[in-house]
Amino acid sequence: MNDRTVRTRWSGGMRAVTDIDGFEIVVDEPETHGGTGTGPAPTDLLLASVASCIALSVAFVARRRGVELPDLDVSVVGTYHGLEFERIAASISSSTPRAVLQGLLSEAERVCYVSNTLRHSPELVISVG
């Protein structure tokens, strides 16, 4: 079994710092939600994970097929419904012809860990250690 582990420490208010292999990511809520706005909100990181994984997956497939992607851009929108997203929509753009991008996307979707994880809704276990 291959596990990935990250550690987060609360740093007061609505702010936390997560360590990922020596990289620190500050997470904070906006001032309108009790935070100080010193970092992205946790849901923003979820959307960033989706966007970056899709971008890297498309780039990976393109490189394997010898396709140039001079200006690949992925935009992701999360639509809130109460305390969760009811929809996460990704849009890919590039000067690469649309038909070529569409051809890359079908294979890229198979190798994107984040979108595959969301699509298959893994069990979330929260415990007090």
C-alpha atoms as a PDB file:
ATOM      1  CA  MET A   1       0.000   0.000   0.000  1.00  0.00           C
ATOM      2  CA  ASN A   2       1.344   3.437  -0.943  1.00  0.00           C
ATOM      3  CA  ASP A   3       0.372   6.110   1.552  1.00  0.00           C
ATOM      4  CA  ARG A   4       0.883   9.867   1.423  1.00  0.00           C
ATOM      5  CA  THR A   5       0.969  11.775   4.693  1.00  0.00           C
ATOM      6  CA  VAL A   6       0.746  15.485   5.387  1.00  0.00           C
ATOM      7  CA  ARG A   7       0.756  17.148   8.802  1.00  0.00           C
ATOM      8  CA  THR A   8      -1.121  20.274   9.749  1.00  0.00           C
ATOM      9  CA  ARG A   9      -0.751  22.361  12.870  1.00  0.00           C
ATOM     10  CA  TRP A  10      -3.280  24.944  13.958  1.00  0.00           C
ATOM     11  CA  SER A  11      -1.637  28.337  14.385  1.00  0.00           C
ATOM     12  CA  GLY A  12      -4.527  30.251  15.958  1.00  0.00           C
ATOM     13  CA  GLY A  13      -7.748  31.791  14.756  1.00  0.00           C
ATOM     14  CA  MET A  14      -8.812  30.160  11.515  1.00  0.00           C
ATOM     15  CA  ARG A  15      -5.230  29.612  10.318  1.00  0.00           C
ATOM     16  CA  ALA A  16      -3.239  26.395   9.937  1.00  0.00           C
ATOM     17  CA  VAL A  17       0.134  25.457   8.477  1.00  0.00           C
ATOM     18  CA  THR A  18       0.522  22.194   6.589  1.00  0.00           C
ATOM     19  CA  ASP A  19       3.888  20.528   6.011  1.00  0.00           C
ATOM     20  CA  ILE A  20       4.183  18.491   2.829  1.00  0.00           C
ATOM     21  CA  ASP A  21       7.628  16.955   2.361  1.00  0.00           C
ATOM     22  CA  GLY A  22       9.304  20.077   3.774  1.00  0.00           C
ATOM     23  CA  PHE A  23       7.047  22.560   1.964  1.00  0.00           C
ATOM     24  CA  GLU A  24       4.835  24.671   4.188  1.00  0.00           C
ATOM     25  CA  ILE A  25       1.410  25.736   2.986  1.00  0.00           C
ATOM     26  CA  VAL A  26      -0.480  28.345   4.988  1.00  0.00           C
ATOM     27  CA  VAL A  27      -4.236  27.889   5.007  1.00  0.00           C
ATOM     28  CA  ASP A  28      -6.534  30.571   6.363  1.00  0.00           C
ATOM     29  CA  GLU A  29     -10.122  31.629   6.000  1.00  0.00           C
ATOM     30  CA  PRO A  30     -10.947  35.066   4.605  1.00  0.00           C
ATOM     31  CA  GLU A  31     -11.671  37.828   7.108  1.00  0.00           C
ATOM     32  CA  THR A  32     -15.374  37.499   6.283  1.00  0.00           C
ATOM     33  CA  HIS A  33     -15.259  33.976   7.747  1.00  0.00           C
ATOM     34  CA  GLY A  34     -13.200  34.700  10.867  1.00  0.00           C
ATOM     35  CA  GLY A  35      -9.739  34.350   9.386  1.00  0.00           C
ATOM     36  CA  THR A  36      -7.016  36.823   8.558  1.00  0.00           C
ATOM     37  CA  GLY A  37      -6.787  36.129   4.837  1.00  0.00           C
ATOM     38  CA  THR A  38      -3.096  35.188   5.023  1.00  0.00           C
ATOM     39  CA  GLY A  39      -3.512  32.117   2.853  1.00  0.00           C
ATOM     40  CA  PRO A  40      -5.970  30.289   0.650  1.00  0.00           C
ATOM     41  CA  ALA A  41      -8.996  28.606   2.228  1.00  0.00           C
ATOM     42  CA  PRO A  42      -9.017  24.792   2.407  1.00  0.00           C
ATOM     43  CA  THR A  43     -11.624  24.584  -0.363  1.00  0.00           C
ATOM     44  CA  ASP A  44      -9.396  26.759  -2.561  1.00  0.00           C
ATOM     45  CA  LEU A  45      -6.638  24.183  -2.099  1.00  0.00           C
ATOM     46  CA  LEU A  46      -9.038  21.441  -3.143  1.00  0.00           C
ATOM     47  CA  LEU A  47      -9.826  23.345  -6.342  1.00  0.00           C
ATOM     48  CA  ALA A  48      -6.115  24.043  -6.874  1.00  0.00           C
ATOM     49  CA  SER A  49      -5.434  20.316  -6.507  1.00  0.00           C
ATOM     50  CA  VAL A  50      -7.996  19.511  -9.179  1.00  0.00           C
ATOM     51  CA  ALA A  51      -6.691  22.193 -11.573  1.00  0.00           C
ATOM     52  CA  SER A  52      -3.017  21.364 -11.137  1.00  0.00           C
ATOM     53  CA  CYS A  53      -3.550  17.610 -11.414  1.00  0.00           C
ATOM     54  CA  ILE A  54      -5.541  18.027 -14.623  1.00  0.00           C
ATOM     55  CA  ALA A  55      -2.885  20.383 -16.052  1.00  0.00           C
ATOM     56  CA  LEU A  56      -0.052  17.998 -15.212  1.00  0.00           C
ATOM     57  CA  SER A  57      -1.981  14.985 -16.531  1.00  0.00           C
ATOM     58  CA  VAL A  58      -2.721  16.696 -19.854  1.00  0.00           C
ATOM     59  CA  ALA A  59       0.926  17.823 -20.107  1.00  0.00           C
ATOM     60  CA  PHE A  60       2.117  14.277 -19.317  1.00  0.00           C
ATOM     61  CA  VAL A  61      -0.050  12.743 -22.049  1.00  0.00           C
ATOM     62  CA  ALA A  62       0.905  15.488 -24.520  1.00  0.00           C
ATOM     63  CA  ARG A  63       4.612  14.897 -23.916  1.00  0.00           C
ATOM     64  CA  ARG A  64       4.177  11.137 -24.466  1.00  0.00           C
ATOM     65  CA  ARG A  65       2.394  11.828 -27.749  1.00  0.00           C
ATOM     66  CA  GLY A  66       4.812  14.554 -28.861  1.00  0.00           C
ATOM     67  CA  VAL A  67       2.147  17.276 -28.758  1.00  0.00           C
ATOM     68  CA  GLU A  68       3.212  20.864 -28.036  1.00  0.00           C
ATOM     69  CA  LEU A  69       1.241  22.734 -25.355  1.00  0.00           C
ATOM     70  CA  PRO A  70       2.680  26.252 -25.406  1.00  0.00           C
ATOM     71  CA  ASP A  71      -0.044  27.839 -23.264  1.00  0.00           C
ATOM     72  CA  LEU A  72      -2.056  25.224 -21.398  1.00  0.00           C
ATOM     73  CA  ASP A  73      -4.423  26.784 -18.863  1.00  0.00           C
ATOM     74  CA  VAL A  74      -6.884  25.025 -16.560  1.00  0.00           C
ATOM     75  CA  SER A  75      -9.636  26.889 -14.731  1.00  0.00           C
ATOM     76  CA  VAL A  76     -11.690  25.171 -12.029  1.00  0.00           C
ATOM     77  CA  VAL A  77     -14.906  26.461 -10.466  1.00  0.00           C
ATOM     78  CA  GLY A  78     -16.447  24.976  -7.352  1.00  0.00           C
ATOM     79  CA  THR A  79     -20.141  25.674  -6.852  1.00  0.00           C
ATOM     80  CA  TYR A  80     -21.118  25.656  -3.194  1.00  0.00           C
ATOM     81  CA  HIS A  81     -24.221  23.960  -1.902  1.00  0.00           C
ATOM     82  CA  GLY A  82     -24.315  24.486   1.845  1.00  0.00           C
ATOM     83  CA  LEU A  83     -21.112  23.141   3.390  1.00  0.00           C
ATOM     84  CA  GLU A  84     -19.926  21.282   0.304  1.00  0.00           C
ATOM     85  CA  PHE A  85     -19.389  21.663  -3.397  1.00  0.00           C
ATOM     86  CA  GLU A  86     -22.280  20.304  -5.412  1.00  0.00           C
ATOM     87  CA  ARG A  87     -20.260  20.690  -8.604  1.00  0.00           C
ATOM     88  CA  ILE A  88     -16.632  21.095  -9.572  1.00  0.00           C
ATOM     89  CA  ALA A  89     -16.165  22.076 -13.212  1.00  0.00           C
ATOM     90  CA  ALA A  90     -12.843  22.266 -15.045  1.00  0.00           C
ATOM     91  CA  SER A  91     -12.190  24.090 -18.292  1.00  0.00           C
ATOM     92  CA  ILE A  92      -9.042  23.566 -20.335  1.00  0.00           C
ATOM     93  CA  SER A  93      -7.772  26.083 -22.855  1.00  0.00           C
ATOM     94  CA  SER A  94      -4.765  26.319 -25.149  1.00  0.00           C
ATOM     95  CA  SER A  95      -3.873  27.505 -28.621  1.00  0.00           C
ATOM     96  CA  THR A  96      -3.458  23.811 -29.402  1.00  0.00           C
ATOM     97  CA  PRO A  97      -6.405  22.791 -31.608  1.00  0.00           C
ATOM     98  CA  ARG A  98      -9.543  21.821 -29.684  1.00  0.00           C
ATOM     99  CA  ALA A  99      -9.700  18.368 -31.295  1.00  0.00           C
ATOM    100  CA  VAL A 100      -6.125  17.641 -30.176  1.00  0.00           C
ATOM    101  CA  LEU A 101      -6.889  18.766 -26.613  1.00  0.00           C
ATOM    102  CA  GLN A 102     -10.019  16.617 -26.580  1.00  0.00           C
ATOM    103  CA  GLY A 103      -7.938  13.625 -27.655  1.00  0.00           C
ATOM    104  CA  LEU A 104      -5.452  14.245 -24.846  1.00  0.00           C
ATOM    105  CA  LEU A 105      -8.165  14.703 -22.253  1.00  0.00           C
ATOM    106  CA  SER A 106      -9.616  11.203 -22.431  1.00  0.00           C
ATOM    107  CA  GLU A 107      -6.252   9.652 -21.539  1.00  0.00           C
ATOM    108  CA  ALA A 108      -5.359  12.428 -19.070  1.00  0.00           C
ATOM    109  CA  GLU A 109      -8.549  11.780 -17.117  1.00  0.00           C
ATOM    110  CA  ARG A 110      -7.398   8.216 -16.503  1.00  0.00           C
ATOM    111  CA  VAL A 111      -4.077   9.334 -14.967  1.00  0.00           C
ATOM    112  CA  CYS A 112      -5.278  12.277 -12.840  1.00  0.00           C
ATOM    113  CA  TYR A 113      -5.152  11.041  -9.235  1.00  0.00           C
ATOM    114  CA  VAL A 114      -7.195  13.935  -7.842  1.00  0.00           C
ATOM    115  CA  SER A 115     -10.153  13.756 -10.203  1.00  0.00           C
ATOM    116  CA  ASN A 116     -10.136   9.955  -9.969  1.00  0.00           C
ATOM    117  CA  THR A 117     -10.193  10.195  -6.175  1.00  0.00           C
ATOM    118  CA  LEU A 118     -13.113  12.636  -6.208  1.00  0.00           C
ATOM    119  CA  ARG A 119     -14.978  10.559  -8.769  1.00  0.00           C
ATOM    120  CA  HIS A 120     -14.680   7.414  -6.647  1.00  0.00           C
ATOM    121  CA  SER A 121     -15.426   9.079  -3.274  1.00  0.00           C
ATOM    122  CA  PRO A 122     -13.029   7.289  -0.921  1.00  0.00           C
ATOM    123  CA  GLU A 123     -13.888   6.569   2.662  1.00  0.00           C
ATOM    124  CA  LEU A 124     -12.930   9.443   4.958  1.00  0.00           C
ATOM    125  CA  VAL A 125     -11.934   8.301   8.447  1.00  0.00           C
ATOM    126  CA  ILE A 126     -11.398  10.900  11.185  1.00  0.00           C
ATOM    127  CA  SER A 127     -10.214   9.731  14.588  1.00  0.00           C
ATOM    128  CA  VAL A 128      -8.680  11.114  17.762  1.00  0.00           C
ATOM    129  CA  GLY A 129      -5.179   9.760  18.099  1.00  0.00           C
END
